[in-house]
C-alpha atoms as a PDB file:
ATOM      1  CA  UNK A   1      81.924  83.145 114.362  1.00  0.00           C
ATOM      2  CA  UNK A   2      78.775  83.150 112.196  1.00  0.00           C
ATOM      3  CA  UNK A   3      78.772  81.198 108.999  1.00  0.00           C
ATOM      4  CA  UNK A   4      78.407  82.921 105.659  1.00  0.00           C
ATOM      5  CA  UNK A   5      77.123  81.671 102.337  1.00  0.00           C
ATOM      6  CA  UNK A   6      78.978  83.540  99.641  1.00  0.00           C
ATOM      7  CA  UNK A   7      77.138  84.692  96.567  1.00  0.00           C
ATOM      8  CA  UNK A   8      77.825  82.620  93.480  1.00  0.00           C
ATOM      9  CA  UNK A   9      77.633  85.672  91.230  1.00  0.00           C
ATOM     10  CA  UNK A  10      80.755  86.262  89.172  1.00  0.00           C
ATOM     11  CA  UNK A  11      83.306  88.740  90.415  1.00  0.00           C
ATOM     12  CA  UNK A  12      82.295  92.165  89.087  1.00  0.00           C
ATOM     13  CA  UNK A  13      84.916  94.897  88.983  1.00  0.00           C
ATOM     14  CA  UNK A  14      85.435  97.983  86.845  1.00  0.00           C
ATOM     15  CA  UNK A  15      88.907  99.412  86.234  1.00  0.00           C
ATOM     16  CA  UNK A  16      88.960 102.563  84.090  1.00  0.00           C
ATOM     17  CA  UNK A  17      92.358 103.900  85.142  1.00  0.00           C
ATOM     18  CA  UNK A  18      94.346 104.595  81.915  1.00  0.00           C
ATOM     19  CA  UNK A  19      97.566 103.430  83.582  1.00  0.00           C
ATOM     20  CA  UNK A  20      95.961 100.090  84.382  1.00  0.00           C
ATOM     21  CA  UNK A  21      94.125  99.653  81.086  1.00  0.00           C
ATOM     22  CA  UNK A  22      96.927 100.590  78.699  1.00  0.00           C
ATOM     23  CA  UNK A  23     100.090  99.745  80.634  1.00  0.00           C
ATOM     24  CA  UNK A  24      99.715  97.506  83.654  1.00  0.00           C
ATOM     25  CA  UNK A  25      97.103  95.017  82.449  1.00  0.00           C
ATOM     26  CA  UNK A  26      99.060  94.243  79.233  1.00  0.00           C
ATOM     27  CA  UNK A  27     102.181  93.862  81.383  1.00  0.00           C
ATOM     28  CA  UNK A  28     100.408  91.533  83.837  1.00  0.00           C
ATOM     29  CA  UNK A  29      98.969  89.497  80.951  1.00  0.00           C
ATOM     30  CA  UNK A  30     102.535  89.050  79.717  1.00  0.00           C
ATOM     31  CA  UNK A  31     103.918  88.122  83.167  1.00  0.00           C
ATOM     32  CA  UNK A  32     101.216  85.585  84.054  1.00  0.00           C
ATOM     33  CA  UNK A  33     102.164  83.448  81.039  1.00  0.00           C
ATOM     34  CA  UNK A  34     105.452  82.610  82.751  1.00  0.00           C
ATOM     35  CA  UNK A  35     103.842  81.364  85.965  1.00  0.00           C
ATOM     36  CA  UNK A  36     103.472  77.577  86.315  1.00  0.00           C
ATOM     37  CA  UNK A  37      99.844  76.447  86.262  1.00  0.00           C
ATOM     38  CA  UNK A  38     100.287  74.616  89.569  1.00  0.00           C
ATOM     39  CA  UNK A  39     101.060  77.895  91.362  1.00  0.00           C
ATOM     40  CA  UNK A  40      98.037  78.746  93.522  1.00  0.00           C
ATOM     41  CA  UNK A  41      96.652  82.289  93.078  1.00  0.00           C
ATOM     42  CA  UNK A  42      96.307  82.688  96.850  1.00  0.00           C
ATOM     43  CA  UNK A  43     100.000  81.904  97.252  1.00  0.00           C
ATOM     44  CA  UNK A  44     100.775  84.680  94.756  1.00  0.00           C
ATOM     45  CA  UNK A  45      98.575  87.060  96.759  1.00  0.00           C
ATOM     46  CA  UNK A  46     100.212  86.115 100.047  1.00  0.00           C
ATOM     47  CA  UNK A  47     103.737  86.407  98.619  1.00  0.00           C
ATOM     48  CA  UNK A  48     103.034  89.957  97.466  1.00  0.00           C
ATOM     49  CA  UNK A  49     101.650  90.828 100.881  1.00  0.00           C
ATOM     50  CA  UNK A  50     104.722  89.418 102.632  1.00  0.00           C
ATOM     51  CA  UNK A  51     106.996  91.542 100.418  1.00  0.00           C
ATOM     52  CA  UNK A  52     105.236  94.630 101.786  1.00  0.00           C
ATOM     53  CA  UNK A  53     105.604  93.306 105.332  1.00  0.00           C
ATOM     54  CA  UNK A  54     109.308  92.822 104.605  1.00  0.00           C
ATOM     55  CA  UNK A  55     109.540  96.445 103.449  1.00  0.00           C
ATOM     56  CA  UNK A  56     107.824  97.611 106.625  1.00  0.00           C
ATOM     57  CA  UNK A  57     110.092  95.526 108.885  1.00  0.00           C
ATOM     58  CA  UNK A  58     113.230  96.499 106.986  1.00  0.00           C
ATOM     59  CA  UNK A  59     112.512 100.215 107.278  1.00  0.00           C
ATOM     60  CA  UNK A  60     111.423  99.747 110.906  1.00  0.00           C
ATOM     61  CA  UNK A  61     114.895  98.400 111.635  1.00  0.00           C
ATOM     62  CA  UNK A  62     116.720 101.304 109.987  1.00  0.00           C
ATOM     63  CA  UNK A  63     114.226 104.066 110.756  1.00  0.00           C
ATOM     64  CA  UNK A  64     111.873 103.050 113.552  1.00  0.00           C
ATOM     65  CA  UNK A  65     110.903 106.558 114.660  1.00  0.00           C
ATOM     66  CA  UNK A  66     111.008 108.196 111.181  1.00  0.00           C
ATOM     67  CA  UNK A  67     114.037 110.397 111.927  1.00  0.00           C
ATOM     68  CA  UNK A  68     116.658 108.747 109.692  1.00  0.00           C
ATOM     69  CA  UNK A  69     115.923 111.081 106.749  1.00  0.00           C
ATOM     70  CA  UNK A  70     116.405 114.183 108.891  1.00  0.00           C
ATOM     71  CA  UNK A  71     119.573 116.253 108.674  1.00  0.00           C
ATOM     72  CA  UNK A  72     122.207 115.146 111.181  1.00  0.00           C
ATOM     73  CA  UNK A  73     120.899 111.579 111.461  1.00  0.00           C
ATOM     74  CA  UNK A  74     122.272 108.349 110.024  1.00  0.00           C
ATOM     75  CA  UNK A  75     120.343 107.822 106.807  1.00  0.00           C
ATOM     76  CA  UNK A  76     118.801 104.608 105.561  1.00  0.00           C
ATOM     77  CA  UNK A  77     121.379 102.800 103.348  1.00  0.00           C
ATOM     78  CA  UNK A  78     120.893 103.058  99.579  1.00  0.00           C
ATOM     79  CA  UNK A  79     120.569  99.293  99.184  1.00  0.00           C
ATOM     80  CA  UNK A  80     117.522  99.390 101.440  1.00  0.00           C
ATOM     81  CA  UNK A  81     115.798 101.885  99.139  1.00  0.00           C
ATOM     82  CA  UNK A  82     116.668  99.767  96.097  1.00  0.00           C
ATOM     83  CA  UNK A  83     115.235  96.697  97.831  1.00  0.00           C
ATOM     84  CA  UNK A  84     112.143  98.639  98.893  1.00  0.00           C
ATOM     85  CA  UNK A  85     111.530  99.814  95.325  1.00  0.00           C
ATOM     86  CA  UNK A  86     111.899  96.316  93.904  1.00  0.00           C
ATOM     87  CA  UNK A  87     109.786  94.674  96.611  1.00  0.00           C
ATOM     88  CA  UNK A  88     107.069  97.306  96.266  1.00  0.00           C
ATOM     89  CA  UNK A  89     106.808  96.863  92.499  1.00  0.00           C
ATOM     90  CA  UNK A  90     106.933  93.073  92.786  1.00  0.00           C
ATOM     91  CA  UNK A  91     104.124  93.169  95.351  1.00  0.00           C
ATOM     92  CA  UNK A  92     102.087  95.403  93.056  1.00  0.00           C
ATOM     93  CA  UNK A  93     102.726  93.055  90.128  1.00  0.00           C
ATOM     94  CA  UNK A  94     101.767  89.964  92.107  1.00  0.00           C
ATOM     95  CA  UNK A  95      98.587  91.715  93.231  1.00  0.00           C
ATOM     96  CA  UNK A  96      97.821  92.307  89.567  1.00  0.00           C
ATOM     97  CA  UNK A  97      98.514  88.778  88.310  1.00  0.00           C
ATOM     98  CA  UNK A  98      96.893  86.701  91.072  1.00  0.00           C
ATOM     99  CA  UNK A  99      93.412  87.133  89.641  1.00  0.00           C
ATOM    100  CA  UNK A 100      94.655  86.499  86.112  1.00  0.00           C
ATOM    101  CA  UNK A 101      96.326  83.289  87.311  1.00  0.00           C
ATOM    102  CA  UNK A 102      93.040  82.225  88.933  1.00  0.00           C
ATOM    103  CA  UNK A 103      91.103  82.730  85.714  1.00  0.00           C
ATOM    104  CA  UNK A 104      93.890  81.129  83.674  1.00  0.00           C
ATOM    105  CA  UNK A 105      93.770  77.966  85.804  1.00  0.00           C
ATOM    106  CA  UNK A 106      89.993  78.008  86.373  1.00  0.00           C
ATOM    107  CA  UNK A 107      90.561  78.276  90.107  1.00  0.00           C
ATOM    108  CA  UNK A 108      88.661  81.491  90.867  1.00  0.00           C
ATOM    109  CA  UNK A 109      86.782  81.255  94.162  1.00  0.00           C
ATOM    110  CA  UNK A 110      84.980  83.677  96.512  1.00  0.00           C
ATOM    111  CA  UNK A 111      87.638  82.808  99.093  1.00  0.00           C
ATOM    112  CA  UNK A 112      90.338  84.004  96.715  1.00  0.00           C
ATOM    113  CA  UNK A 113      88.546  87.309  96.257  1.00  0.00           C
ATOM    114  CA  UNK A 114      88.161  87.695 100.017  1.00  0.00           C
ATOM    115  CA  UNK A 115      91.805  86.772 100.610  1.00  0.00           C
ATOM    116  CA  UNK A 116      92.993  89.280  97.989  1.00  0.00           C
ATOM    117  CA  UNK A 117      90.923  92.255  99.113  1.00  0.00           C
ATOM    118  CA  UNK A 118      91.305  91.399 102.787  1.00  0.00           C
ATOM    119  CA  UNK A 119      95.086  91.587 102.549  1.00  0.00           C
ATOM    120  CA  UNK A 120      94.820  94.744 100.419  1.00  0.00           C
ATOM    121  CA  UNK A 121      92.945  96.442 103.258  1.00  0.00           C
ATOM    122  CA  UNK A 122      95.867  95.775 105.603  1.00  0.00           C
ATOM    123  CA  UNK A 123      98.550  96.899 103.163  1.00  0.00           C
ATOM    124  CA  UNK A 124      97.401 100.534 103.347  1.00  0.00           C
ATOM    125  CA  UNK A 125      99.297 101.074 106.586  1.00  0.00           C
ATOM    126  CA  UNK A 126     102.441  99.367 105.290  1.00  0.00           C
ATOM    127  CA  UNK A 127     102.516 101.520 102.138  1.00  0.00           C
ATOM    128  CA  UNK A 128     102.047 104.767 104.040  1.00  0.00           C
ATOM    129  CA  UNK A 129     104.491 103.977 106.854  1.00  0.00           C
ATOM    130  CA  UNK A 130     107.188 102.820 104.420  1.00  0.00           C
ATOM    131  CA  UNK A 131     107.041 105.864 102.143  1.00  0.00           C
ATOM    132  CA  UNK A 132     106.999 108.146 105.209  1.00  0.00           C
ATOM    133  CA  UNK A 133     110.607 107.131 105.864  1.00  0.00           C
ATOM    134  CA  UNK A 134     111.607 108.867 102.626  1.00  0.00           C
ATOM    135  CA  UNK A 135     110.602 112.281 103.963  1.00  0.00           C
ATOM    136  CA  UNK A 136     110.708 111.640 107.707  1.00  0.00           C
ATOM    137  CA  UNK A 137     109.550 113.937 110.451  1.00  0.00           C
ATOM    138  CA  UNK A 138     112.415 116.446 110.423  1.00  0.00           C
ATOM    139  CA  UNK A 139     112.391 120.144 109.577  1.00  0.00           C
ATOM    140  CA  UNK A 140     111.883 119.413 105.866  1.00  0.00           C
ATOM    141  CA  UNK A 141     109.699 116.384 106.507  1.00  0.00           C
ATOM    142  CA  UNK A 142     106.100 115.710 107.484  1.00  0.00           C
ATOM    143  CA  UNK A 143     104.998 115.916 111.112  1.00  0.00           C
ATOM    144  CA  UNK A 144     103.709 112.725 112.706  1.00  0.00           C
ATOM    145  CA  UNK A 145     100.316 114.388 113.269  1.00  0.00           C
ATOM    146  CA  UNK A 146     100.039 115.395 109.592  1.00  0.00           C
ATOM    147  CA  UNK A 147     100.957 111.870 108.513  1.00  0.00           C
ATOM    148  CA  UNK A 148      98.296 110.513 110.864  1.00  0.00           C
ATOM    149  CA  UNK A 149      95.584 112.468 109.069  1.00  0.00           C
ATOM    150  CA  UNK A 150      97.052 111.587 105.666  1.00  0.00           C
ATOM    151  CA  UNK A 151      96.848 107.928 106.688  1.00  0.00           C
ATOM    152  CA  UNK A 152      93.161 108.402 107.403  1.00  0.00           C
ATOM    153  CA  UNK A 153      92.628 109.964 103.972  1.00  0.00           C
ATOM    154  CA  UNK A 154      94.216 106.867 102.422  1.00  0.00           C
ATOM    155  CA  UNK A 155      92.160 104.502 104.589  1.00  0.00           C
ATOM    156  CA  UNK A 156      88.849 106.165 103.779  1.00  0.00           C
ATOM    157  CA  UNK A 157      89.776 106.274 100.082  1.00  0.00           C
ATOM    158  CA  UNK A 158      90.256 102.510 100.228  1.00  0.00           C
ATOM    159  CA  UNK A 159      86.991 101.722 101.969  1.00  0.00           C
ATOM    160  CA  UNK A 160      85.031 103.873  99.507  1.00  0.00           C
ATOM    161  CA  UNK A 161      85.453 101.211  96.812  1.00  0.00           C
ATOM    162  CA  UNK A 162      84.075  98.485  99.065  1.00  0.00           C
ATOM    163  CA  UNK A 163      81.274 100.765 100.232  1.00  0.00           C
ATOM    164  CA  UNK A 164      80.352 101.160  96.555  1.00  0.00           C
ATOM    165  CA  UNK A 165      80.331  97.390  96.037  1.00  0.00           C
ATOM    166  CA  UNK A 166      78.261  96.869  99.185  1.00  0.00           C
ATOM    167  CA  UNK A 167      75.633  99.176  97.687  1.00  0.00           C
ATOM    168  CA  UNK A 168      75.933  98.484  93.948  1.00  0.00           C
ATOM    169  CA  UNK A 169      77.379  94.965  93.669  1.00  0.00           C
ATOM    170  CA  UNK A 170      80.246  96.307  91.521  1.00  0.00           C
ATOM    171  CA  UNK A 171      83.775  97.038  92.699  1.00  0.00           C
ATOM    172  CA  UNK A 172      84.966 100.268  91.086  1.00  0.00           C
ATOM    173  CA  UNK A 173      88.747 100.176  91.393  1.00  0.00           C
ATOM    174  CA  UNK A 174      90.170 103.567  92.489  1.00  0.00           C
ATOM    175  CA  UNK A 175      92.472 105.405  90.109  1.00  0.00           C
ATOM    176  CA  UNK A 176      94.826 106.481  92.863  1.00  0.00           C
ATOM    177  CA  UNK A 177      95.892 102.936  93.736  1.00  0.00           C
ATOM    178  CA  UNK A 178      97.887 102.139  90.599  1.00  0.00           C
ATOM    179  CA  UNK A 179      99.364 105.599  90.212  1.00  0.00           C
ATOM    180  CA  UNK A 180     100.460 105.765  93.835  1.00  0.00           C
ATOM    181  CA  UNK A 181     102.149 102.350  93.835  1.00  0.00           C
ATOM    182  CA  UNK A 182     104.100 103.001  90.650  1.00  0.00           C
ATOM    183  CA  UNK A 183     105.093 106.432  91.983  1.00  0.00           C
ATOM    184  CA  UNK A 184     106.183 105.000  95.345  1.00  0.00           C
ATOM    185  CA  UNK A 185     108.390 102.403  93.644  1.00  0.00           C
ATOM    186  CA  UNK A 186     110.050 105.123  91.563  1.00  0.00           C
ATOM    187  CA  UNK A 187     110.523 107.365  94.612  1.00  0.00           C
ATOM    188  CA  UNK A 188     112.352 104.567  96.443  1.00  0.00           C
ATOM    189  CA  UNK A 189     114.695 103.981  93.497  1.00  0.00           C
ATOM    190  CA  UNK A 190     115.333 107.711  92.977  1.00  0.00           C
ATOM    191  CA  UNK A 191     116.090 108.071  96.697  1.00  0.00           C
ATOM    192  CA  UNK A 192     118.676 105.284  96.433  1.00  0.00           C
ATOM    193  CA  UNK A 193     120.454 107.175  93.647  1.00  0.00           C
ATOM    194  CA  UNK A 194     120.251 110.814  94.745  1.00  0.00           C
ATOM    195  CA  UNK A 195     119.869 110.437  98.522  1.00  0.00           C
ATOM    196  CA  UNK A 196     117.208 111.746 100.900  1.00  0.00           C
ATOM    197  CA  UNK A 197     118.834 115.206 100.844  1.00  0.00           C
ATOM    198  CA  UNK A 198     117.243 115.773  97.438  1.00  0.00           C
ATOM    199  CA  UNK A 199     113.812 115.819  99.039  1.00  0.00           C
ATOM    200  CA  UNK A 200     114.906 118.731 101.254  1.00  0.00           C
ATOM    201  CA  UNK A 201     115.012 120.991  98.188  1.00  0.00           C
ATOM    202  CA  UNK A 202     111.962 122.902  96.930  1.00  0.00           C
ATOM    203  CA  UNK A 203     110.134 121.132  94.109  1.00  0.00           C
ATOM    204  CA  UNK A 204     108.531 124.270  92.626  1.00  0.00           C
ATOM    205  CA  UNK A 205     109.309 127.766  93.955  1.00  0.00           C
ATOM    206  CA  UNK A 206     109.115 127.276  97.764  1.00  0.00           C
ATOM    207  CA  UNK A 207     106.843 124.250  97.501  1.00  0.00           C
ATOM    208  CA  UNK A 208     108.747 121.404  99.191  1.00  0.00           C
ATOM    209  CA  UNK A 209     108.512 117.785  98.091  1.00  0.00           C
ATOM    210  CA  UNK A 210     106.833 116.939 101.395  1.00  0.00           C
ATOM    211  CA  UNK A 211     104.092 119.428 100.532  1.00  0.00           C
ATOM    212  CA  UNK A 212     103.787 117.925  97.060  1.00  0.00           C
ATOM    213  CA  UNK A 213     103.504 114.464  98.638  1.00  0.00           C
ATOM    214  CA  UNK A 214     100.714 115.566 100.965  1.00  0.00           C
ATOM    215  CA  UNK A 215      98.977 117.655  98.312  1.00  0.00           C
ATOM    216  CA  UNK A 216      98.863 114.821  95.763  1.00  0.00           C
ATOM    217  CA  UNK A 217      97.334 112.327  98.212  1.00  0.00           C
ATOM    218  CA  UNK A 218      94.695 114.708  99.554  1.00  0.00           C
ATOM    219  CA  UNK A 219      93.844 116.179  96.144  1.00  0.00           C
ATOM    220  CA  UNK A 220      93.521 112.759  94.505  1.00  0.00           C
ATOM    221  CA  UNK A 221      91.200 111.587  97.277  1.00  0.00           C
ATOM    222  CA  UNK A 222      88.900 114.603  97.303  1.00  0.00           C
ATOM    223  CA  UNK A 223      88.861 115.462  93.592  1.00  0.00           C
ATOM    224  CA  UNK A 224      88.965 111.974  92.031  1.00  0.00           C
ATOM    225  CA  UNK A 225      88.206 109.106  94.432  1.00  0.00           C
ATOM    226  CA  UNK A 226      85.377 110.655  96.462  1.00  0.00           C
ATOM    227  CA  UNK A 227      83.545 112.306  93.527  1.00  0.00           C
ATOM    228  CA  UNK A 228      83.732 109.100  91.466  1.00  0.00           C
ATOM    229  CA  UNK A 229      82.359 107.066  94.378  1.00  0.00           C
ATOM    230  CA  UNK A 230      79.464 109.446  94.897  1.00  0.00           C
ATOM    231  CA  UNK A 231      78.790 109.479  91.146  1.00  0.00           C
ATOM    232  CA  UNK A 232      78.617 105.680  91.033  1.00  0.00           C
ATOM    233  CA  UNK A 233      76.247 105.553  94.003  1.00  0.00           C
ATOM    234  CA  UNK A 234      73.978 108.263  92.570  1.00  0.00           C
ATOM    235  CA  UNK A 235      74.002 106.545  89.168  1.00  0.00           C
ATOM    236  CA  UNK A 236      72.950 103.251  90.775  1.00  0.00           C
ATOM    237  CA  UNK A 237      70.198 105.046  92.683  1.00  0.00           C
ATOM    238  CA  UNK A 238      68.829 106.630  89.512  1.00  0.00           C
ATOM    239  CA  UNK A 239      68.938 103.264  87.742  1.00  0.00           C
ATOM    240  CA  UNK A 240      67.081 101.631  90.656  1.00  0.00           C
ATOM    241  CA  UNK A 241      69.996  99.206  91.077  1.00  0.00           C
ATOM    242  CA  UNK A 242      71.047 100.340  94.541  1.00  0.00           C
ATOM    243  CA  UNK A 243      70.935  97.371  96.922  1.00  0.00           C
ATOM    244  CA  UNK A 244      69.920  99.412  99.953  1.00  0.00           C
ATOM    245  CA  UNK A 245      67.116 101.930  99.592  1.00  0.00           C
ATOM    246  CA  UNK A 246      67.340 103.824 102.889  1.00  0.00           C
ATOM    247  CA  UNK A 247      70.149 106.325 103.612  1.00  0.00           C
ATOM    248  CA  UNK A 248      70.765 104.582 106.944  1.00  0.00           C
ATOM    249  CA  UNK A 249      71.452 101.198 105.344  1.00  0.00           C
ATOM    250  CA  UNK A 250      73.509 102.822 102.589  1.00  0.00           C
ATOM    251  CA  UNK A 251      75.766 104.636 105.050  1.00  0.00           C
ATOM    252  CA  UNK A 252      75.906 101.819 107.616  1.00  0.00           C
ATOM    253  CA  UNK A 253      79.429 100.631 106.579  1.00  0.00           C
ATOM    254  CA  UNK A 254      80.861 104.013 107.631  1.00  0.00           C
ATOM    255  CA  UNK A 255      79.731 103.825 111.268  1.00  0.00           C
ATOM    256  CA  UNK A 256      82.606 101.690 112.572  1.00  0.00           C
ATOM    257  CA  UNK A 257      85.357 103.452 110.554  1.00  0.00           C
ATOM    258  CA  UNK A 258      84.131 106.854 111.736  1.00  0.00           C
ATOM    259  CA  UNK A 259      83.999 105.659 115.345  1.00  0.00           C
ATOM    260  CA  UNK A 260      87.530 104.271 114.986  1.00  0.00           C
ATOM    261  CA  UNK A 261      88.666 107.642 113.648  1.00  0.00           C
ATOM    262  CA  UNK A 262      87.016 109.471 116.562  1.00  0.00           C
ATOM    263  CA  UNK A 263      88.517 107.167 119.202  1.00  0.00           C
ATOM    264  CA  UNK A 264      92.029 107.197 117.749  1.00  0.00           C
ATOM    265  CA  UNK A 265      91.949 110.975 117.260  1.00  0.00           C
ATOM    266  CA  UNK A 266      90.770 111.538 120.843  1.00  0.00           C
ATOM    267  CA  UNK A 267      93.782 109.545 122.013  1.00  0.00           C
ATOM    268  CA  UNK A 268      96.096 111.603 119.783  1.00  0.00           C
ATOM    269  CA  UNK A 269      94.696 114.968 120.855  1.00  0.00           C
ATOM    270  CA  UNK A 270      94.302 114.303 124.585  1.00  0.00           C
ATOM    271  CA  UNK A 271      97.264 112.000 125.163  1.00  0.00           C
ATOM    272  CA  UNK A 272      99.046 113.076 128.396  1.00  0.00           C
ATOM    273  CA  UNK A 273     102.461 112.035 127.075  1.00  0.00           C
ATOM    274  CA  UNK A 274     101.864 112.792 123.360  1.00  0.00           C
ATOM    275  CA  UNK A 275     101.924 109.098 122.502  1.00  0.00           C
ATOM    276  CA  UNK A 276     101.820 109.721 118.739  1.00  0.00           C
ATOM    277  CA  UNK A 277     105.078 111.656 118.939  1.00  0.00           C
ATOM    278  CA  UNK A 278     106.657 108.977 121.146  1.00  0.00           C
ATOM    279  CA  UNK A 279     105.532 105.917 119.181  1.00  0.00           C
ATOM    280  CA  UNK A 280     104.296 106.996 115.728  1.00  0.00           C
ATOM    281  CA  UNK A 281     105.049 103.710 113.960  1.00  0.00           C
ATOM    282  CA  UNK A 282     103.250 101.623 116.572  1.00  0.00           C
ATOM    283  CA  UNK A 283     100.278 103.998 116.591  1.00  0.00           C
ATOM    284  CA  UNK A 284      99.945 103.911 112.801  1.00  0.00           C
ATOM    285  CA  UNK A 285     100.119 100.112 112.894  1.00  0.00           C
ATOM    286  CA  UNK A 286      97.371  99.968 115.507  1.00  0.00           C
ATOM    287  CA  UNK A 287      95.068 102.273 113.548  1.00  0.00           C
ATOM    288  CA  UNK A 288      95.775 100.601 110.200  1.00  0.00           C
ATOM    289  CA  UNK A 289      95.210  97.096 111.561  1.00  0.00           C
ATOM    290  CA  UNK A 290      91.984  98.006 113.362  1.00  0.00           C
ATOM    291  CA  UNK A 291      90.767  99.644 110.160  1.00  0.00           C
ATOM    292  CA  UNK A 292      91.690  96.528 108.162  1.00  0.00           C
ATOM    293  CA  UNK A 293      89.588  94.436 110.533  1.00  0.00           C
ATOM    294  CA  UNK A 294      86.597  96.735 110.028  1.00  0.00           C
ATOM    295  CA  UNK A 295      87.079  96.651 106.250  1.00  0.00           C
ATOM    296  CA  UNK A 296      87.468  92.867 106.097  1.00  0.00           C
ATOM    297  CA  UNK A 297      84.120  92.410 107.817  1.00  0.00           C
ATOM    298  CA  UNK A 298      82.534  94.770 105.296  1.00  0.00           C
ATOM    299  CA  UNK A 299      84.081  92.718 102.460  1.00  0.00           C
ATOM    300  CA  UNK A 300      82.632  89.527 103.955  1.00  0.00           C
ATOM    301  CA  UNK A 301      79.189  91.172 104.135  1.00  0.00           C
ATOM    302  CA  UNK A 302      79.292  92.439 100.566  1.00  0.00           C
ATOM    303  CA  UNK A 303      80.386  89.024  99.264  1.00  0.00           C
ATOM    304  CA  UNK A 304      77.783  87.097 101.250  1.00  0.00           C
ATOM    305  CA  UNK A 305      74.987  89.611 100.634  1.00  0.00           C
ATOM    306  CA  UNK A 306      74.464  90.048 104.364  1.00  0.00           C
ATOM    307  CA  UNK A 307      73.794  93.209 106.336  1.00  0.00           C
ATOM    308  CA  UNK A 308      76.814  95.145 107.559  1.00  0.00           C
ATOM    309  CA  UNK A 309      76.971  95.331 111.348  1.00  0.00           C
ATOM    310  CA  UNK A 310      77.032  98.940 112.598  1.00  0.00           C
ATOM    311  CA  UNK A 311      79.593  98.265 115.339  1.00  0.00           C
ATOM    312  CA  UNK A 312      82.812  96.288 115.175  1.00  0.00           C
ATOM    313  CA  UNK A 313      83.328  94.544 118.525  1.00  0.00           C
ATOM    314  CA  UNK A 314      87.009  95.563 118.556  1.00  0.00           C
ATOM    315  CA  UNK A 315      85.943  99.158 119.159  1.00  0.00           C
ATOM    316  CA  UNK A 316      84.404  98.320 122.550  1.00  0.00           C
ATOM    317  CA  UNK A 317      87.691  97.443 124.322  1.00  0.00           C
ATOM    318  CA  UNK A 318      89.386 100.222 122.371  1.00  0.00           C
ATOM    319  CA  UNK A 319      86.991 102.711 123.950  1.00  0.00           C
ATOM    320  CA  UNK A 320      88.127 101.507 127.372  1.00  0.00           C
ATOM    321  CA  UNK A 321      91.798 101.681 126.359  1.00  0.00           C
ATOM    322  CA  UNK A 322      91.434 105.258 125.099  1.00  0.00           C
ATOM    323  CA  UNK A 323      89.638 106.348 128.282  1.00  0.00           C
ATOM    324  CA  UNK A 324      92.323 104.737 130.442  1.00  0.00           C
ATOM    325  CA  UNK A 325      95.023 106.437 128.369  1.00  0.00           C
ATOM    326  CA  UNK A 326      93.674 109.989 128.236  1.00  0.00           C
ATOM    327  CA  UNK A 327      92.701 110.028 131.931  1.00  0.00           C
ATOM    328  CA  UNK A 328      96.185 108.940 132.977  1.00  0.00           C
ATOM    329  CA  UNK A 329      94.983 105.838 134.833  1.00  0.00           C
ATOM    330  CA  UNK A 330      97.712 103.804 133.107  1.00  0.00           C
ATOM    331  CA  UNK A 331     100.955 105.650 133.774  1.00  0.00           C
ATOM    332  CA  UNK A 332     103.083 104.175 130.966  1.00  0.00           C
ATOM    333  CA  UNK A 333     101.164 105.220 127.866  1.00  0.00           C
ATOM    334  CA  UNK A 334     103.707 103.781 125.433  1.00  0.00           C
ATOM    335  CA  UNK A 335     103.436 100.376 127.092  1.00  0.00           C
ATOM    336  CA  UNK A 336      99.638 100.580 126.949  1.00  0.00           C
ATOM    337  CA  UNK A 337      99.820 101.385 123.237  1.00  0.00           C
ATOM    338  CA  UNK A 338     102.180  98.478 122.558  1.00  0.00           C
ATOM    339  CA  UNK A 339      99.961  96.065 124.482  1.00  0.00           C
ATOM    340  CA  UNK A 340      96.815  97.241 122.720  1.00  0.00           C
ATOM    341  CA  UNK A 341      98.498  97.161 119.296  1.00  0.00           C
ATOM    342  CA  UNK A 342      99.620  93.574 119.935  1.00  0.00           C
ATOM    343  CA  UNK A 343      96.058  92.644 120.893  1.00  0.00           C
ATOM    344  CA  UNK A 344      94.647  94.280 117.738  1.00  0.00           C
ATOM    345  CA  UNK A 345      97.166  92.567 115.448  1.00  0.00           C
ATOM    346  CA  UNK A 346      96.566  89.158 117.050  1.00  0.00           C
ATOM    347  CA  UNK A 347      92.779  89.632 116.932  1.00  0.00           C
ATOM    348  CA  UNK A 348      92.938  90.549 113.244  1.00  0.00           C
ATOM    349  CA  UNK A 349      95.176  87.601 112.379  1.00  0.00           C
ATOM    350  CA  UNK A 350      92.855  85.290 114.332  1.00  0.00           C
ATOM    351  CA  UNK A 351      89.848  86.644 112.441  1.00  0.00           C
ATOM    352  CA  UNK A 352      91.573  86.178 109.085  1.00  0.00           C
ATOM    353  CA  UNK A 353      92.732  82.633 109.855  1.00  0.00           C
ATOM    354  CA  UNK A 354      89.274  81.692 111.149  1.00  0.00           C
ATOM    355  CA  UNK A 355      87.493  82.981 108.038  1.00  0.00           C
ATOM    356  CA  UNK A 356      89.943  81.293 105.668  1.00  0.00           C
ATOM    357  CA  UNK A 357      89.856  78.010 107.621  1.00  0.00           C
ATOM    358  CA  UNK A 358      86.066  78.004 107.787  1.00  0.00           C
ATOM    359  CA  UNK A 359      85.707  78.397 104.023  1.00  0.00           C
ATOM    360  CA  UNK A 360      88.577  76.095 103.028  1.00  0.00           C
ATOM    361  CA  UNK A 361      86.775  73.000 104.321  1.00  0.00           C
END
């Protein structure tokens, strides 16, 4: 693994979301005062991440194939939704106070920033998969294919912020992040009280809650997140503060994510056994983890002021796996998916541990 020399410039981030500015930041400033000064910020970050993993595992146990919310199936117990709501909000709170704890204890480091944003990139899949269990894939739910494309909207919305920082040196925090996490926590708690049957009913006229769920995510991404990202890039260009002058270098961070999208979508569309329908949770995990690996390497490049590599090496074996799958060379497609997902998860964990270990010395 190549060594990186991280920039000593101070962490530069802009958060203009009214919910963050007027509600959450004052709340986090209040909470951080109760944390002991010996508590490491990275431990706070990791604890929040593990709460989201716990949510994912808990809902995997009760609703592995996303059918528990469908009519005629055994529903997820109410206590699970209560726990999910609490864990989700606690994770969100810990993600908000870790940086404040670092500044409070004068322990801010580039490694802490990398650790925080690196774990954030992986949490996208755990958020999406967990909230999917609320609506499920039944008649009044969201199809696994629709959720797949919604997941990609979320993933690209996340990487936009880091693409901006790669080109401008400033991390513009997306508005959708705070609003979505608060909303998800409330949805879990409401589900615990009123039951999943409530989401079967139309929200407005014949507009079902599942449609509202999909509409809000897609609309927020294309009318708020994307336009704001493009505005920030264009503004930097006009101010001659854009780090990369050529369009090729500016768009370079998108090459690997787009290739990942193409490969994973080819597998979905041309799968002989419709592997997404058979193993949706495993497929989402594979895509989300591979995307996190791509994003983490972009974060390392932006922090070390090095050039983003156009191709993530993980996509080379994935190309072979997809070809083997769609041509039917490997008969048991579900087994192939599980094996490849395990390899992706282990490779990503290895990369994360290696980076952290290398810069903890």
